[in-house]
Amino acid sequence: MEQSEGTAVASKKQERTAFLLLTAVIFPLMAVLIVAGYGFLVWMWQLLFSGPPTGP
């Protein structure tokens, strides 16, 4: 069973839309959330367990 030309064009459009959504929205958002989450984790660790960083 082969795809009709209209279905192939719709599929390519969906693929392009998914690619743009991933590269322009999802990946940057995930990067910001990961960095912010790590910063929050370090902040809470210092607040609750190790205290503020000290100099030499």
PDB file of N, CA and C in Angstrom:
ATOM      1  N   MET A   1       0.826  -1.177   0.000  1.00  0.00           N
ATOM      2  CA  MET A   1       0.000   0.000   0.000  1.00  0.00           C
ATOM      3  C   MET A   1       0.875   1.246   0.000  1.00  0.00           C
ATOM      4  N   GLU A   2       0.704   2.110  -0.951  1.00  0.00           N
ATOM      5  CA  GLU A   2       1.509   3.322  -1.048  1.00  0.00           C
ATOM      6  C   GLU A   2       0.711   4.518  -0.558  1.00  0.00           C
ATOM      7  N   GLN A   3       1.446   5.524  -0.068  1.00  0.00           N
ATOM      8  CA  GLN A   3       0.796   6.756   0.350  1.00  0.00           C
ATOM      9  C   GLN A   3       0.459   7.592  -0.872  1.00  0.00           C
ATOM     10  N   SER A   4      -0.648   8.293  -0.777  1.00  0.00           N
ATOM     11  CA  SER A   4      -0.955   9.228  -1.855  1.00  0.00           C
ATOM     12  C   SER A   4      -0.077  10.462  -1.694  1.00  0.00           C
ATOM     13  N   GLU A   5       0.000  11.252  -2.734  1.00  0.00           N
ATOM     14  CA  GLU A   5       0.874  12.433  -2.695  1.00  0.00           C
ATOM     15  C   GLU A   5       0.405  13.434  -1.637  1.00  0.00           C
ATOM     16  N   GLY A   6      -0.893  13.576  -1.468  1.00  0.00           N
ATOM     17  CA  GLY A   6      -1.430  14.495  -0.458  1.00  0.00           C
ATOM     18  C   GLY A   6      -1.049  14.069   0.953  1.00  0.00           C
ATOM     19  N   THR A   7      -1.077  12.780   1.201  1.00  0.00           N
ATOM     20  CA  THR A   7      -0.703  12.269   2.517  1.00  0.00           C
ATOM     21  C   THR A   7       0.772  12.472   2.777  1.00  0.00           C
ATOM     22  N   ALA A   8       1.592  12.294   1.764  1.00  0.00           N
ATOM     23  CA  ALA A   8       3.033  12.496   1.910  1.00  0.00           C
ATOM     24  C   ALA A   8       3.340  13.955   2.209  1.00  0.00           C
ATOM     25  N   VAL A   9       2.638  14.866   1.549  1.00  0.00           N
ATOM     26  CA  VAL A   9       2.854  16.295   1.797  1.00  0.00           C
ATOM     27  C   VAL A   9       2.412  16.648   3.207  1.00  0.00           C
ATOM     28  N   ALA A  10       1.280  16.133   3.651  1.00  0.00           N
ATOM     29  CA  ALA A  10       0.803  16.397   5.010  1.00  0.00           C
ATOM     30  C   ALA A  10       1.783  15.827   6.025  1.00  0.00           C
ATOM     31  N   SER A  11       2.322  14.660   5.745  1.00  0.00           N
ATOM     32  CA  SER A  11       3.280  14.045   6.651  1.00  0.00           C
ATOM     33  C   SER A  11       4.552  14.881   6.745  1.00  0.00           C
ATOM     34  N   LYS A  12       5.030  15.402   5.620  1.00  0.00           N
ATOM     35  CA  LYS A  12       6.227  16.250   5.640  1.00  0.00           C
ATOM     36  C   LYS A  12       5.961  17.538   6.398  1.00  0.00           C
ATOM     37  N   LYS A  13       4.761  18.082   6.257  1.00  0.00           N
ATOM     38  CA  LYS A  13       4.405  19.307   6.981  1.00  0.00           C
ATOM     39  C   LYS A  13       4.365  19.039   8.480  1.00  0.00           C
ATOM     40  N   GLN A  14       3.794  17.919   8.876  1.00  0.00           N
ATOM     41  CA  GLN A  14       3.762  17.562  10.293  1.00  0.00           C
ATOM     42  C   GLN A  14       5.172  17.353  10.827  1.00  0.00           C
ATOM     43  N   GLU A  15       6.025  16.729  10.040  1.00  0.00           N
ATOM     44  CA  GLU A  15       7.405  16.497  10.447  1.00  0.00           C
ATOM     45  C   GLU A  15       8.146  17.823  10.623  1.00  0.00           C
ATOM     46  N   ARG A  16       7.954  18.742   9.705  1.00  0.00           N
ATOM     47  CA  ARG A  16       8.598  20.053   9.794  1.00  0.00           C
ATOM     48  C   ARG A  16       8.090  20.810  11.019  1.00  0.00           C
ATOM     49  N   THR A  17       6.794  20.770  11.271  1.00  0.00           N
ATOM     50  CA  THR A  17       6.223  21.439  12.437  1.00  0.00           C
ATOM     51  C   THR A  17       6.766  20.835  13.730  1.00  0.00           C
ATOM     52  N   ALA A  18       6.855  19.530  13.795  1.00  0.00           N
ATOM     53  CA  ALA A  18       7.398  18.873  14.988  1.00  0.00           C
ATOM     54  C   ALA A  18       8.861  19.239  15.194  1.00  0.00           C
ATOM     55  N   PHE A  19       9.642  19.287  14.126  1.00  0.00           N
ATOM     56  CA  PHE A  19      11.054  19.658  14.217  1.00  0.00           C
ATOM     57  C   PHE A  19      11.205  21.080  14.741  1.00  0.00           C
ATOM     58  N   LEU A  20      10.430  22.010  14.183  1.00  0.00           N
ATOM     59  CA  LEU A  20      10.511  23.398  14.630  1.00  0.00           C
ATOM     60  C   LEU A  20      10.068  23.550  16.080  1.00  0.00           C
ATOM     61  N   LEU A  21       9.053  22.828  16.478  1.00  0.00           N
ATOM     62  CA  LEU A  21       8.591  22.872  17.864  1.00  0.00           C
ATOM     63  C   LEU A  21       9.680  22.367  18.801  1.00  0.00           C
ATOM     64  N   LEU A  22      10.322  21.273  18.421  1.00  0.00           N
ATOM     65  CA  LEU A  22      11.397  20.732  19.261  1.00  0.00           C
ATOM     66  C   LEU A  22      12.573  21.689  19.351  1.00  0.00           C
ATOM     67  N   THR A  23      13.036  22.213  18.220  1.00  0.00           N
ATOM     68  CA  THR A  23      14.250  23.020  18.218  1.00  0.00           C
ATOM     69  C   THR A  23      14.035  24.431  18.750  1.00  0.00           C
ATOM     70  N   ALA A  24      12.852  24.993  18.577  1.00  0.00           N
ATOM     71  CA  ALA A  24      12.623  26.384  18.974  1.00  0.00           C
ATOM     72  C   ALA A  24      11.959  26.519  20.338  1.00  0.00           C
ATOM     73  N   VAL A  25      11.270  25.474  20.811  1.00  0.00           N
ATOM     74  CA  VAL A  25      10.519  25.601  22.065  1.00  0.00           C
ATOM     75  C   VAL A  25      10.963  24.576  23.104  1.00  0.00           C
ATOM     76  N   ILE A  26      10.869  23.317  22.782  1.00  0.00           N
ATOM     77  CA  ILE A  26      11.058  22.268  23.785  1.00  0.00           C
ATOM     78  C   ILE A  26      12.505  22.177  24.273  1.00  0.00           C
ATOM     79  N   PHE A  27      13.483  22.107  23.358  1.00  0.00           N
ATOM     80  CA  PHE A  27      14.885  21.969  23.782  1.00  0.00           C
ATOM     81  C   PHE A  27      15.371  23.182  24.575  1.00  0.00           C
ATOM     82  N   PRO A  28      15.124  24.429  24.137  1.00  0.00           N
ATOM     83  CA  PRO A  28      15.546  25.560  24.959  1.00  0.00           C
ATOM     84  C   PRO A  28      14.849  25.592  26.323  1.00  0.00           C
ATOM     85  N   LEU A  29      13.581  25.276  26.350  1.00  0.00           N
ATOM     86  CA  LEU A  29      12.857  25.252  27.620  1.00  0.00           C
ATOM     87  C   LEU A  29      13.421  24.194  28.562  1.00  0.00           C
ATOM     88  N   MET A  30      13.724  23.019  28.026  1.00  0.00           N
ATOM     89  CA  MET A  30      14.313  21.963  28.854  1.00  0.00           C
ATOM     90  C   MET A  30      15.688  22.372  29.374  1.00  0.00           C
ATOM     91  N   ALA A  31      16.492  23.032  28.543  1.00  0.00           N
ATOM     92  CA  ALA A  31      17.818  23.484  28.975  1.00  0.00           C
ATOM     93  C   ALA A  31      17.696  24.472  30.129  1.00  0.00           C
ATOM     94  N   VAL A  32      16.788  25.427  30.022  1.00  0.00           N
ATOM     95  CA  VAL A  32      16.592  26.413  31.090  1.00  0.00           C
ATOM     96  C   VAL A  32      16.098  25.724  32.362  1.00  0.00           C
ATOM     97  N   LEU A  33      15.169  24.804  32.234  1.00  0.00           N
ATOM     98  CA  LEU A  33      14.637  24.113  33.414  1.00  0.00           C
ATOM     99  C   LEU A  33      15.695  23.254  34.093  1.00  0.00           C
ATOM    100  N   ILE A  34      16.558  22.615  33.327  1.00  0.00           N
ATOM    101  CA  ILE A  34      17.615  21.782  33.911  1.00  0.00           C
ATOM    102  C   ILE A  34      18.612  22.653  34.673  1.00  0.00           C
ATOM    103  N   VAL A  35      19.044  23.758  34.069  1.00  0.00           N
ATOM    104  CA  VAL A  35      20.001  24.643  34.730  1.00  0.00           C
ATOM    105  C   VAL A  35      19.371  25.276  35.977  1.00  0.00           C
ATOM    106  N   ALA A  36      18.135  25.728  35.869  1.00  0.00           N
ATOM    107  CA  ALA A  36      17.456  26.327  37.021  1.00  0.00           C
ATOM    108  C   ALA A  36      17.249  25.293  38.124  1.00  0.00           C
ATOM    109  N   GLY A  37      16.895  24.078  37.750  1.00  0.00           N
ATOM    110  CA  GLY A  37      16.716  23.020  38.743  1.00  0.00           C
ATOM    111  C   GLY A  37      18.007  22.683  39.464  1.00  0.00           C
ATOM    112  N   TYR A  38      19.108  22.654  38.736  1.00  0.00           N
ATOM    113  CA  TYR A  38      20.408  22.388  39.356  1.00  0.00           C
ATOM    114  C   TYR A  38      20.783  23.521  40.315  1.00  0.00           C
ATOM    115  N   GLY A  39      20.569  24.755  39.891  1.00  0.00           N
ATOM    116  CA  GLY A  39      20.847  25.900  40.756  1.00  0.00           C
ATOM    117  C   GLY A  39      20.014  25.853  42.017  1.00  0.00           C
ATOM    118  N   PHE A  40      18.753  25.519  41.892  1.00  0.00           N
ATOM    119  CA  PHE A  40      17.876  25.406  43.059  1.00  0.00           C
ATOM    120  C   PHE A  40      18.352  24.286  43.980  1.00  0.00           C
ATOM    121  N   LEU A  41      18.766  23.171  43.397  1.00  0.00           N
ATOM    122  CA  LEU A  41      19.262  22.047  44.196  1.00  0.00           C
ATOM    123  C   LEU A  41      20.502  22.448  44.997  1.00  0.00           C
ATOM    124  N   VAL A  42      21.441  23.147  44.356  1.00  0.00           N
ATOM    125  CA  VAL A  42      22.647  23.595  45.047  1.00  0.00           C
ATOM    126  C   VAL A  42      22.285  24.594  46.141  1.00  0.00           C
ATOM    127  N   TRP A  43      21.382  25.503  45.852  1.00  0.00           N
ATOM    128  CA  TRP A  43      20.953  26.506  46.826  1.00  0.00           C
ATOM    129  C   TRP A  43      20.329  25.831  48.048  1.00  0.00           C
ATOM    130  N   MET A  44      19.440  24.875  47.830  1.00  0.00           N
ATOM    131  CA  MET A  44      18.805  24.171  48.949  1.00  0.00           C
ATOM    132  C   MET A  44      19.833  23.351  49.733  1.00  0.00           C
ATOM    133  N   TRP A  45      20.772  22.722  49.039  1.00  0.00           N
ATOM    134  CA  TRP A  45      21.812  21.941  49.717  1.00  0.00           C
ATOM    135  C   TRP A  45      22.623  22.838  50.653  1.00  0.00           C
ATOM    136  N   GLN A  46      23.014  24.002  50.159  1.00  0.00           N
ATOM    137  CA  GLN A  46      23.781  24.927  50.980  1.00  0.00           C
ATOM    138  C   GLN A  46      22.932  25.474  52.130  1.00  0.00           C
ATOM    139  N   LEU A  47      21.696  25.754  51.886  1.00  0.00           N
ATOM    140  CA  LEU A  47      20.812  26.308  52.918  1.00  0.00           C
ATOM    141  C   LEU A  47      20.581  25.282  54.034  1.00  0.00           C
ATOM    142  N   LEU A  48      20.385  24.021  53.676  1.00  0.00           N
ATOM    143  CA  LEU A  48      19.986  23.025  54.669  1.00  0.00           C
ATOM    144  C   LEU A  48      21.154  22.235  55.269  1.00  0.00           C
ATOM    145  N   PHE A  49      22.219  22.005  54.501  1.00  0.00           N
ATOM    146  CA  PHE A  49      23.249  21.068  54.970  1.00  0.00           C
ATOM    147  C   PHE A  49      24.635  21.675  55.111  1.00  0.00           C
ATOM    148  N   SER A  50      25.149  22.340  54.115  1.00  0.00           N
ATOM    149  CA  SER A  50      26.566  22.684  54.140  1.00  0.00           C
ATOM    150  C   SER A  50      26.850  24.132  54.503  1.00  0.00           C
ATOM    151  N   GLY A  51      25.874  24.983  54.554  1.00  0.00           N
ATOM    152  CA  GLY A  51      26.115  26.382  54.862  1.00  0.00           C
ATOM    153  C   GLY A  51      26.660  27.125  53.656  1.00  0.00           C
ATOM    154  N   PRO A  52      26.845  28.431  53.800  1.00  0.00           N
ATOM    155  CA  PRO A  52      27.321  29.211  52.659  1.00  0.00           C
ATOM    156  C   PRO A  52      28.780  28.881  52.339  1.00  0.00           C
ATOM    157  N   PRO A  53      29.189  29.111  51.102  1.00  0.00           N
ATOM    158  CA  PRO A  53      30.588  28.865  50.757  1.00  0.00           C
ATOM    159  C   PRO A  53      31.488  29.856  51.492  1.00  0.00           C
ATOM    160  N   THR A  54      32.647  29.410  51.899  1.00  0.00           N
ATOM    161  CA  THR A  54      33.582  30.285  52.621  1.00  0.00           C
ATOM    162  C   THR A  54      34.882  30.396  51.847  1.00  0.00           C
ATOM    163  N   GLY A  55      35.584  31.477  52.081  1.00  0.00           N
ATOM    164  CA  GLY A  55      36.858  31.700  51.416  1.00  0.00           C
ATOM    165  C   GLY A  55      37.989  30.989  52.154  1.00  0.00           C
ATOM    166  N   PRO A  56      39.200  31.109  51.667  1.00  0.00           N
ATOM    167  CA  PRO A  56      40.355  30.434  52.295  1.00  0.00           C
ATOM    168  C   PRO A  56      40.759  31.041  53.630  1.00  0.00           C
TER     169      PRO A  56
END
